[in-house]
Amino acid sequence: MFSKKLKQLRKEKGYTQKQLATLLQTAESTIGMYEQGRRMPGPKMVHKIEQVLELPDGYLMQELEQAQGIDLLSSEIKRRLSR
């Protein structure tokens, strides 16, 4: 899951949420929401995160797409069951 992977990678690099937020020029609360799965970053932010955490291009994008695919599937199932 994207949120858990982001948190793990941030900690491996030794960054606090505040430090990562500063490097990404965003709010600390935004990083917290990403890590809690309450919010998902857009493609530009994912690319910035990959650069800051020194990850290969597309590494986190795959995680994000998987997470969103699962969320979309879950939403579709709930919608169909509620009919």
Protein backbone atom coordinates (compact mmCIF):
# COMPACT_ATOMS: atom_id res chain seq x y z
CA MET A 1 0.00 0.00 0.00
CA PHE A 2 1.28 3.44 -0.94
CA SER A 3 0.88 5.03 2.49
CA LYS A 4 2.86 2.35 4.31
CA LYS A 5 5.56 2.28 1.64
CA LEU A 6 6.00 6.06 1.80
CA LYS A 7 6.34 5.99 5.58
CA GLN A 8 8.84 3.14 5.43
CA LEU A 9 10.96 4.84 2.78
CA ARG A 10 10.90 8.18 4.63
CA LYS A 11 12.08 6.50 7.83
CA GLU A 12 14.79 4.56 5.99
CA LYS A 13 16.19 7.88 4.75
CA GLY A 14 16.08 9.23 8.31
CA TYR A 15 13.60 12.03 7.61
CA THR A 16 10.84 13.23 9.89
CA GLN A 17 7.53 14.17 8.30
CA LYS A 18 8.45 17.82 8.83
CA GLN A 19 11.83 17.41 7.11
CA LEU A 20 10.30 15.64 4.14
CA ALA A 21 7.58 18.26 3.89
CA THR A 22 10.21 21.02 3.85
CA LEU A 23 12.16 19.29 1.10
CA LEU A 24 8.95 18.85 -0.92
CA GLN A 25 7.78 22.40 -0.20
CA THR A 26 4.50 21.22 1.26
CA ALA A 27 2.84 21.08 4.68
CA GLU A 28 3.81 18.52 7.30
CA SER A 29 0.10 17.65 7.61
CA THR A 30 0.06 16.73 3.91
CA ILE A 31 2.79 14.15 4.46
CA GLY A 32 0.87 12.83 7.46
CA MET A 33 -2.28 12.46 5.37
CA TYR A 34 -0.35 10.63 2.64
CA GLU A 35 1.08 8.24 5.22
CA GLN A 36 -2.35 7.65 6.80
CA GLY A 37 -3.92 6.97 3.41
CA ARG A 38 -6.33 9.87 3.89
CA ARG A 39 -4.99 11.66 0.83
CA MET A 40 -3.08 10.62 -2.28
CA PRO A 41 -0.50 12.78 -4.05
CA GLY A 42 -0.77 13.69 -7.69
CA PRO A 43 1.76 12.52 -10.28
CA LYS A 44 3.95 15.64 -9.95
CA MET A 45 4.22 15.25 -6.20
CA VAL A 46 4.96 11.53 -6.54
CA HIS A 47 7.82 12.41 -8.89
CA LYS A 48 9.15 14.97 -6.39
CA ILE A 49 8.97 12.40 -3.59
CA GLU A 50 10.86 9.89 -5.74
CA GLN A 51 13.59 12.48 -6.38
CA VAL A 52 13.93 13.53 -2.74
CA LEU A 53 14.00 9.92 -1.51
CA GLU A 54 16.40 9.00 -4.34
CA LEU A 55 14.11 6.36 -5.83
CA PRO A 56 13.96 5.19 -9.44
CA ASP A 57 11.45 7.05 -11.61
CA GLY A 58 8.08 5.34 -11.42
CA TYR A 59 8.84 3.38 -8.25
CA LEU A 60 6.21 5.04 -6.09
CA MET A 61 3.87 5.67 -9.01
CA GLN A 62 3.29 1.91 -9.26
CA GLU A 63 2.41 1.82 -5.55
CA LEU A 64 0.03 4.75 -5.98
CA GLU A 65 -1.68 3.24 -9.01
CA GLN A 66 -2.18 -0.03 -7.13
CA ALA A 67 -3.61 1.77 -4.11
CA GLN A 68 -5.97 3.83 -6.25
CA GLY A 69 -7.01 0.79 -8.27
CA ILE A 70 -7.96 -1.06 -5.11
CA ASP A 71 -9.83 1.98 -3.80
CA LEU A 72 -11.69 2.37 -7.09
CA LEU A 73 -12.59 -1.31 -7.14
CA SER A 74 -13.82 -1.16 -3.55
CA SER A 75 -15.97 1.89 -4.36
CA GLU A 76 -17.44 0.17 -7.41
CA ILE A 77 -18.31 -2.95 -5.43
CA LYS A 78 -19.99 -0.89 -2.70
CA ARG A 79 -21.94 1.07 -5.31
CA ARG A 80 -23.22 -2.07 -7.01
CA LEU A 81 -24.18 -3.74 -3.74
CA SER A 82 -26.18 -0.72 -2.63
CA ARG A 83 -28.53 -0.94 -5.64
